[in-house]
Amino acid sequence: MGATFRICVLPGDGIGTEVTTATLAVLDAATRHAGNTKLVYESCAAGAALYRETGVAMPEESWRVAEAADAIFLGAMGLPDVRYDDGTEITPQLDLRFRFDLYAGVRPVSAKRGGMRVLNDSRADNIDFVLVRESTEGLFASCGKGEILDDREARDTMVITRQTSEQLFEFTFDYARRRKASRERPKVTLVDKANIFTSMAFFRKVFDEAAEKHSDIDVERVYVDACALDFVRRPWEFDVVVTENMFGDILSDLAAGLVGGMGFAPSADIGDQQAVFQPAHGSAPDIVGLGTANPTAAILSGAMMLDWLGRRHGVSQCLDAARLIEQAVEQVLAKRRMNAADMIDTWRTSEMTEMVIGAIG
């Protein structure tokens, strides 16, 4: 008897619904081909549009389904014109991270699974690294807690705790060890600003303690401003990068730009018990309904979900299905890169979906 997994699906706002539909079709094709695995979806309401209609961004019923699910897939959430009274956007995806303690934000960056090469250097074809972003603390610990004093001063506080940092670094070293990178020894790069901030010096101290336990893995330490430079100057030299929440938020978008943009940027937020998988891009309300949303990031996020389920539950067919999707995406993108004009503002959501499904078959 095969394995059955319950997936809470949160299509969300804007093109989130479009790329979610594409991803579920690809997931079904891959699991059928790999065999022995069935995904059962339960779609739930959440997002900025729902908040605009009801005053609630994610109802308790949606929370109940998400908590009981084996994994959560999220399309995109947020709309620029829908905000709380303090001016911040509606972001249930952040609430999921905090509520389920999803401390590790995983952002793979791959030239093989991206668009046209951005850097004019043949070595850019070898870009293949993963950015692991702490997702519950750092500067984001101030979400909903910032202060405005007498309309003259605003304050947000960065929080770094030993417990979460230790969890993050153990996750990162384990991830680096099992990742099939094209190097003799895995490498973890810490990104911080330890020369300026006490919180970052503490972050580095905890990292150094963790690094001593993983002597089989090379380590380097880079300040965040130098890392931004090196992402452009030598991105092919990185393997696994770990950093604080806000730094990771910014650097992951820069990294996506190296391989063609946010439409090629999958992501996951992972905790000890639960995980959310979603494309790193936003809801793009300006292209809703045009059928031009690039589903690649969402499809690859679906592959990450299968990989996580397979490793967590020991189901090899899930791992096989994940590899099928990744290989299919690489095959389709390789063909599209042969025609540069094809990669510029001509993505059809349905076309890309059908091509990936065809490559799986």
Protein backbone atom coordinates (compact mmCIF):
# COMPACT_ATOMS: atom_id res chain seq x y z
CA MET A 1 0.00 0.00 0.00
CA GLY A 2 1.36 3.40 -0.97
CA ALA A 3 1.95 6.44 1.18
CA THR A 4 -0.74 9.14 1.35
CA PHE A 5 0.05 12.69 2.43
CA ARG A 6 -2.41 15.44 3.27
CA ILE A 7 -1.40 18.79 1.81
CA CYS A 8 -2.91 22.05 3.03
CA VAL A 9 -3.05 24.31 -0.03
CA LEU A 10 -3.14 28.08 0.45
CA PRO A 11 -3.40 29.60 -3.06
CA GLY A 12 -3.60 33.09 -1.58
CA ASP A 13 -3.67 36.24 -3.68
CA GLY A 14 -2.98 37.37 -7.23
CA ILE A 15 -1.03 34.92 -9.36
CA GLY A 16 -0.75 32.64 -6.34
CA THR A 17 -3.87 30.83 -7.51
CA GLU A 18 -2.47 30.43 -11.03
CA VAL A 19 0.93 29.03 -10.10
CA THR A 20 -0.67 26.80 -7.47
CA THR A 21 -2.91 25.17 -10.07
CA ALA A 22 0.12 24.59 -12.29
CA THR A 23 2.14 23.10 -9.43
CA LEU A 24 -0.53 20.66 -8.29
CA ALA A 25 -0.83 19.34 -11.85
CA VAL A 26 2.93 18.76 -11.99
CA LEU A 27 2.97 17.14 -8.53
CA ASP A 28 0.24 14.72 -9.57
CA ALA A 29 2.11 13.81 -12.75
CA ALA A 30 5.36 13.20 -10.88
CA THR A 31 3.83 11.13 -8.09
CA ARG A 32 1.90 9.01 -10.59
CA HIS A 33 5.09 8.37 -12.53
CA ALA A 34 7.15 7.57 -9.43
CA GLY A 35 4.36 5.46 -7.93
CA ASN A 36 3.47 4.50 -4.35
CA THR A 37 2.61 8.06 -3.28
CA LYS A 38 -0.66 9.98 -3.23
CA LEU A 39 -1.13 13.63 -2.35
CA VAL A 40 -4.54 14.66 -1.01
CA TYR A 41 -5.12 18.42 -1.24
CA GLU A 42 -7.35 20.57 0.93
CA SER A 43 -7.55 24.14 -0.32
CA CYS A 44 -8.02 26.79 2.37
CA ALA A 45 -8.78 30.49 2.33
CA ALA A 46 -6.15 33.00 3.48
CA GLY A 47 -4.57 36.21 2.28
CA ALA A 48 -5.02 39.91 1.74
CA ALA A 49 -8.12 39.64 -0.47
CA LEU A 50 -9.83 37.60 2.24
CA TYR A 51 -8.82 40.17 4.84
CA ARG A 52 -10.30 42.94 2.71
CA GLU A 53 -13.61 41.06 2.56
CA THR A 54 -13.83 39.68 6.09
CA GLY A 55 -11.29 41.43 8.30
CA VAL A 56 -9.53 38.08 8.89
CA ALA A 57 -6.38 37.13 6.99
CA MET A 58 -6.44 33.42 7.90
CA PRO A 59 -9.54 31.89 9.54
CA GLU A 60 -9.23 29.36 12.34
CA GLU A 61 -10.48 26.61 10.03
CA SER A 62 -7.55 27.24 7.72
CA TRP A 63 -5.19 27.17 10.70
CA ARG A 64 -6.70 23.87 11.82
CA VAL A 65 -6.17 22.27 8.41
CA ALA A 66 -2.64 23.65 8.15
CA GLU A 67 -1.68 22.32 11.57
CA ALA A 68 -3.03 18.84 10.83
CA ALA A 69 -1.52 18.57 7.35
CA ASP A 70 1.64 16.68 6.47
CA ALA A 71 2.87 19.73 4.56
CA ILE A 72 1.64 23.16 3.48
CA PHE A 73 1.87 24.58 -0.03
CA LEU A 74 1.39 28.33 -0.43
CA GLY A 75 0.96 30.20 -3.71
CA ALA A 76 1.50 33.89 -2.88
CA MET A 77 0.00 36.29 -0.36
CA GLY A 78 -0.34 40.02 -0.01
CA LEU A 79 -1.72 42.91 -2.03
CA PRO A 80 -0.05 46.34 -2.04
CA ASP A 81 -3.26 48.22 -1.32
CA VAL A 82 -4.44 46.02 1.55
CA ARG A 83 -2.69 46.94 4.80
CA TYR A 84 -3.08 46.98 8.55
CA ASP A 85 -3.62 50.27 10.37
CA ASP A 86 0.13 50.66 11.00
CA GLY A 87 0.80 50.61 7.24
CA THR A 88 2.26 47.09 7.04
CA GLU A 89 0.94 44.52 4.56
CA ILE A 90 -1.23 41.50 5.26
CA THR A 91 1.22 38.58 5.48
CA PRO A 92 -0.21 35.29 6.78
CA GLN A 93 2.92 33.60 5.41
CA LEU A 94 4.88 35.27 8.21
CA ASP A 95 2.26 34.21 10.75
CA LEU A 96 2.78 30.61 9.63
CA ARG A 97 6.51 30.89 10.32
CA PHE A 98 6.00 32.27 13.80
CA ARG A 99 3.11 30.03 14.82
CA PHE A 100 4.76 26.78 13.65
CA ASP A 101 8.33 27.82 14.52
CA LEU A 102 9.57 27.44 10.96
CA TYR A 103 13.05 28.71 11.73
CA ALA A 104 14.89 27.61 8.55
CA GLY A 105 14.06 29.44 5.33
CA VAL A 106 15.62 27.47 2.47
CA ARG A 107 16.23 29.27 -0.85
CA PRO A 108 17.98 27.19 -3.58
CA VAL A 109 19.72 29.09 -6.40
CA SER A 110 20.58 27.15 -9.55
CA ALA A 111 21.69 28.30 -12.99
CA LYS A 112 20.34 25.03 -14.44
CA ARG A 113 16.89 25.82 -13.11
CA GLY A 114 16.93 29.50 -14.00
CA GLY A 115 16.42 31.77 -16.96
CA MET A 116 19.00 33.45 -19.13
CA ARG A 117 22.47 33.96 -17.65
CA VAL A 118 22.70 37.42 -16.08
CA LEU A 119 26.46 37.57 -15.51
CA ASN A 120 28.72 37.73 -18.56
CA ASP A 121 30.99 34.98 -17.31
CA SER A 122 30.95 31.33 -18.36
CA ARG A 123 31.43 30.32 -14.73
CA ALA A 124 27.92 31.61 -14.04
CA ASP A 125 26.64 28.35 -15.53
CA ASN A 126 27.98 26.70 -12.37
CA ILE A 127 25.94 28.75 -9.91
CA ASP A 128 24.42 26.22 -7.53
CA PHE A 129 24.02 27.23 -3.91
CA VAL A 130 21.41 27.35 -1.16
CA LEU A 131 20.72 30.27 1.13
CA VAL A 132 19.38 29.29 4.54
CA ARG A 133 17.65 32.20 6.20
CA GLU A 134 16.61 32.23 9.86
CA SER A 135 12.88 32.90 9.58
CA THR A 136 11.48 33.68 13.02
CA GLU A 137 13.90 36.07 14.71
CA GLY A 138 16.39 38.74 13.70
CA LEU A 139 14.84 42.03 12.72
CA PHE A 140 11.59 40.23 11.82
CA ALA A 141 11.06 39.55 15.52
CA SER A 142 9.65 43.09 15.59
CA CYS A 143 6.77 42.27 13.24
CA GLY A 144 3.70 43.78 14.87
CA LYS A 145 5.80 44.98 17.83
CA GLY A 146 7.48 48.12 16.49
CA GLU A 147 7.12 51.40 18.35
CA ILE A 148 6.46 54.94 17.18
CA LEU A 149 7.27 57.47 19.89
CA ASP A 150 5.37 60.77 19.73
CA ASP A 151 5.48 60.74 15.90
CA ARG A 152 9.17 61.63 16.10
CA GLU A 153 10.93 58.27 16.35
CA ALA A 154 10.32 54.68 15.27
CA ARG A 155 11.99 51.60 16.74
CA ASP A 156 12.25 47.97 15.70
CA THR A 157 14.38 45.54 17.67
CA MET A 158 16.61 42.72 16.40
CA VAL A 159 16.43 39.51 18.44
CA ILE A 160 18.96 36.65 18.25
CA THR A 161 18.53 33.73 20.66
CA ARG A 162 20.95 30.89 21.33
CA GLN A 163 18.27 28.21 21.03
CA THR A 164 17.04 29.21 17.58
CA SER A 165 20.54 29.93 16.31
CA GLU A 166 21.70 26.48 17.40
CA GLN A 167 18.71 24.89 15.65
CA LEU A 168 19.43 26.90 12.53
CA PHE A 169 23.12 26.01 12.37
CA GLU A 170 22.54 22.31 13.02
CA PHE A 171 19.97 22.31 10.23
CA THR A 172 22.41 24.12 7.93
CA PHE A 173 25.37 21.81 8.54
CA ASP A 174 23.19 18.73 8.09
CA TYR A 175 21.76 20.21 4.89
CA ALA A 176 25.22 20.97 3.54
CA ARG A 177 26.40 17.44 4.32
CA ARG A 178 23.61 15.71 2.37
CA ARG A 179 23.44 18.21 -0.48
CA LYS A 180 24.94 16.91 -3.69
CA ALA A 181 27.12 19.88 -4.49
CA SER A 182 29.86 19.64 -7.09
CA ARG A 183 32.75 19.95 -4.63
CA GLU A 184 34.96 17.55 -2.70
CA ARG A 185 33.93 18.98 0.68
CA PRO A 186 30.72 20.83 1.51
CA LYS A 187 31.07 24.42 2.66
CA VAL A 188 28.94 26.64 4.86
CA THR A 189 29.27 30.42 4.65
CA LEU A 190 28.07 32.50 7.60
CA VAL A 191 26.83 35.98 6.67
CA ASP A 192 26.57 38.55 9.44
CA LYS A 193 27.61 42.04 10.56
CA ALA A 194 29.59 40.91 13.58
CA ASN A 195 32.01 43.82 13.32
CA ILE A 196 29.25 46.30 14.20
CA PHE A 197 26.35 44.74 16.12
CA THR A 198 26.46 42.86 19.40
CA SER A 199 23.62 40.63 18.24
CA MET A 200 25.60 39.64 15.17
CA ALA A 201 28.76 38.96 17.19
CA PHE A 202 26.68 36.63 19.34
CA PHE A 203 25.24 35.01 16.20
CA ARG A 204 28.81 34.34 15.00
CA LYS A 205 29.85 32.98 18.41
CA VAL A 206 27.07 30.39 18.32
CA PHE A 207 27.99 29.54 14.72
CA ASP A 208 31.64 29.00 15.66
CA GLU A 209 30.57 26.61 18.41
CA ALA A 210 28.47 24.66 15.92
CA ALA A 211 31.24 24.62 13.34
CA GLU A 212 33.58 22.88 15.79
CA LYS A 213 31.17 19.93 15.86
CA HIS A 214 31.19 19.60 12.08
CA SER A 215 34.86 19.47 11.16
CA ASP A 216 34.10 17.57 7.94
CA ILE A 217 32.56 20.75 6.52
CA ASP A 218 34.53 23.81 5.44
CA VAL A 219 33.37 27.16 6.79
CA GLU A 220 33.86 30.81 5.92
CA ARG A 221 32.55 34.00 7.46
CA VAL A 222 31.56 37.02 5.37
CA TYR A 223 30.06 40.38 6.31
CA VAL A 224 26.72 41.00 4.65
CA ASP A 225 27.89 43.94 2.52
CA ALA A 226 30.87 41.92 1.25
CA CYS A 227 28.55 38.99 0.58
CA ALA A 228 26.34 41.16 -1.63
CA LEU A 229 29.43 42.03 -3.63
CA ASP A 230 30.57 38.41 -3.79
CA PHE A 231 27.16 37.21 -4.94
CA VAL A 232 27.83 39.23 -8.08
CA ARG A 233 31.59 38.73 -8.22
CA ARG A 234 31.91 35.01 -7.40
CA PRO A 235 28.48 33.36 -6.89
CA TRP A 236 29.73 30.02 -8.28
CA GLU A 237 32.00 29.63 -5.23
CA PHE A 238 29.16 29.41 -2.69
CA ASP A 239 27.64 26.15 -1.47
CA VAL A 240 25.37 26.71 1.54
CA VAL A 241 24.95 30.22 2.98
CA VAL A 242 23.34 30.86 6.37
CA THR A 243 22.28 34.23 7.72
CA GLU A 244 19.86 36.31 9.78
CA ASN A 245 16.27 36.93 8.72
CA MET A 246 16.47 40.41 7.17
CA PHE A 247 19.86 39.81 5.57
CA GLY A 248 18.47 36.59 4.09
CA ASP A 249 15.38 38.37 2.80
CA ILE A 250 17.51 40.82 0.83
CA LEU A 251 20.27 38.47 -0.30
CA SER A 252 17.86 35.80 -1.52
CA ASP A 253 16.28 38.27 -3.95
CA LEU A 254 19.73 39.27 -5.19
CA ALA A 255 20.57 35.59 -5.62
CA ALA A 256 17.38 35.02 -7.60
CA GLY A 257 18.38 37.87 -9.89
CA LEU A 258 21.57 36.00 -10.74
CA VAL A 259 19.59 33.17 -12.34
CA GLY A 260 16.84 35.08 -14.11
CA GLY A 261 14.56 36.57 -11.46
CA MET A 262 11.96 35.74 -8.84
CA GLY A 263 10.04 33.51 -11.21
CA PHE A 264 12.85 30.98 -10.79
CA ALA A 265 13.14 31.25 -6.99
CA PRO A 266 11.62 28.37 -4.99
CA SER A 267 11.64 28.36 -1.21
CA ALA A 268 10.65 26.49 1.93
CA ASP A 269 10.21 27.45 5.57
CA ILE A 270 11.02 24.40 7.67
CA GLY A 271 10.68 23.61 11.35
CA ASP A 272 11.10 20.47 13.41
CA GLN A 273 7.49 19.39 12.87
CA GLN A 274 5.98 21.31 9.96
CA ALA A 275 7.00 23.05 6.76
CA VAL A 276 5.61 25.52 4.24
CA PHE A 277 6.65 25.49 0.58
CA GLN A 278 6.11 28.48 -1.67
CA PRO A 279 7.61 30.43 -4.56
CA ALA A 280 9.63 33.33 -3.23
CA HIS A 281 7.88 35.83 -5.51
CA GLY A 282 4.89 37.95 -4.62
CA SER A 283 1.30 38.01 -5.83
CA ALA A 284 2.01 40.22 -8.90
CA PRO A 285 -1.51 41.69 -9.16
CA ASP A 286 -0.56 43.56 -12.35
CA ILE A 287 -0.47 40.32 -14.37
CA VAL A 288 -3.35 38.42 -12.77
CA GLY A 289 -5.50 36.67 -15.34
CA LEU A 290 -3.11 37.22 -18.25
CA GLY A 291 -1.81 33.66 -18.14
CA THR A 292 1.79 34.87 -18.19
CA ALA A 293 2.86 34.07 -14.63
CA ASN A 294 6.05 32.01 -14.61
CA PRO A 295 5.22 28.84 -12.58
CA THR A 296 8.83 27.60 -12.37
CA ALA A 297 9.46 28.78 -8.80
CA ALA A 298 6.20 27.28 -7.59
CA ILE A 299 6.82 23.98 -9.37
CA LEU A 300 10.31 23.72 -7.88
CA SER A 301 8.87 24.55 -4.45
CA GLY A 302 6.55 21.58 -4.96
CA ALA A 303 9.60 19.42 -5.67
CA MET A 304 11.14 20.66 -2.42
CA MET A 305 7.96 19.59 -0.63
CA LEU A 306 8.19 16.08 -2.06
CA ASP A 307 11.85 15.88 -1.08
CA TRP A 308 11.06 16.95 2.50
CA LEU A 309 8.17 14.49 2.79
CA GLY A 310 10.30 11.69 1.40
CA ARG A 311 13.18 12.30 3.80
CA ARG A 312 10.92 12.88 6.79
CA HIS A 313 8.85 9.73 6.26
CA GLY A 314 11.38 7.50 4.54
CA VAL A 315 9.42 7.27 1.28
CA SER A 316 11.86 6.88 -1.59
CA GLN A 317 9.16 7.38 -4.22
CA CYS A 318 8.69 10.95 -2.96
CA LEU A 319 12.40 11.56 -3.47
CA ASP A 320 12.16 10.03 -6.94
CA ALA A 321 9.20 12.28 -7.81
CA ALA A 322 11.12 15.34 -6.61
CA ARG A 323 14.09 14.44 -8.84
CA LEU A 324 11.73 13.87 -11.79
CA ILE A 325 10.36 17.40 -11.42
CA GLU A 326 13.79 18.98 -11.07
CA GLN A 327 15.13 17.12 -14.10
CA ALA A 328 12.05 17.99 -16.14
CA VAL A 329 12.39 21.69 -15.29
CA GLU A 330 16.08 21.63 -16.19
CA GLN A 331 15.30 19.94 -19.49
CA VAL A 332 12.56 22.42 -20.43
CA LEU A 333 14.61 25.47 -19.43
CA ALA A 334 17.65 24.21 -21.32
CA LYS A 335 15.55 24.09 -24.49
CA ARG A 336 14.13 27.55 -23.88
CA ARG A 337 17.55 29.04 -23.27
CA MET A 338 18.48 28.08 -26.82
CA ASN A 339 16.12 30.82 -27.95
CA ALA A 340 16.86 34.01 -26.01
CA ALA A 341 13.68 35.73 -27.15
CA ASP A 342 11.68 32.89 -25.64
CA MET A 343 12.84 33.81 -22.15
CA ILE A 344 11.78 37.45 -22.22
CA ASP A 345 8.24 38.28 -21.12
CA THR A 346 6.72 35.41 -23.08
CA TRP A 347 6.05 32.90 -20.35
CA ARG A 348 2.70 31.22 -20.63
CA THR A 349 1.74 29.50 -17.41
CA SER A 350 -0.08 26.68 -19.15
CA GLU A 351 2.66 26.18 -21.73
CA MET A 352 5.42 25.80 -19.14
CA THR A 353 3.24 23.49 -17.06
CA GLU A 354 2.45 21.24 -20.02
CA MET A 355 6.11 21.11 -21.07
CA VAL A 356 7.25 20.07 -17.60
CA ILE A 357 4.54 17.41 -17.36
CA GLY A 358 5.56 16.17 -20.81
CA ALA A 359 9.20 15.96 -19.77
CA ILE A 360 8.20 13.97 -16.67
CA GLY A 361 6.37 11.49 -18.87
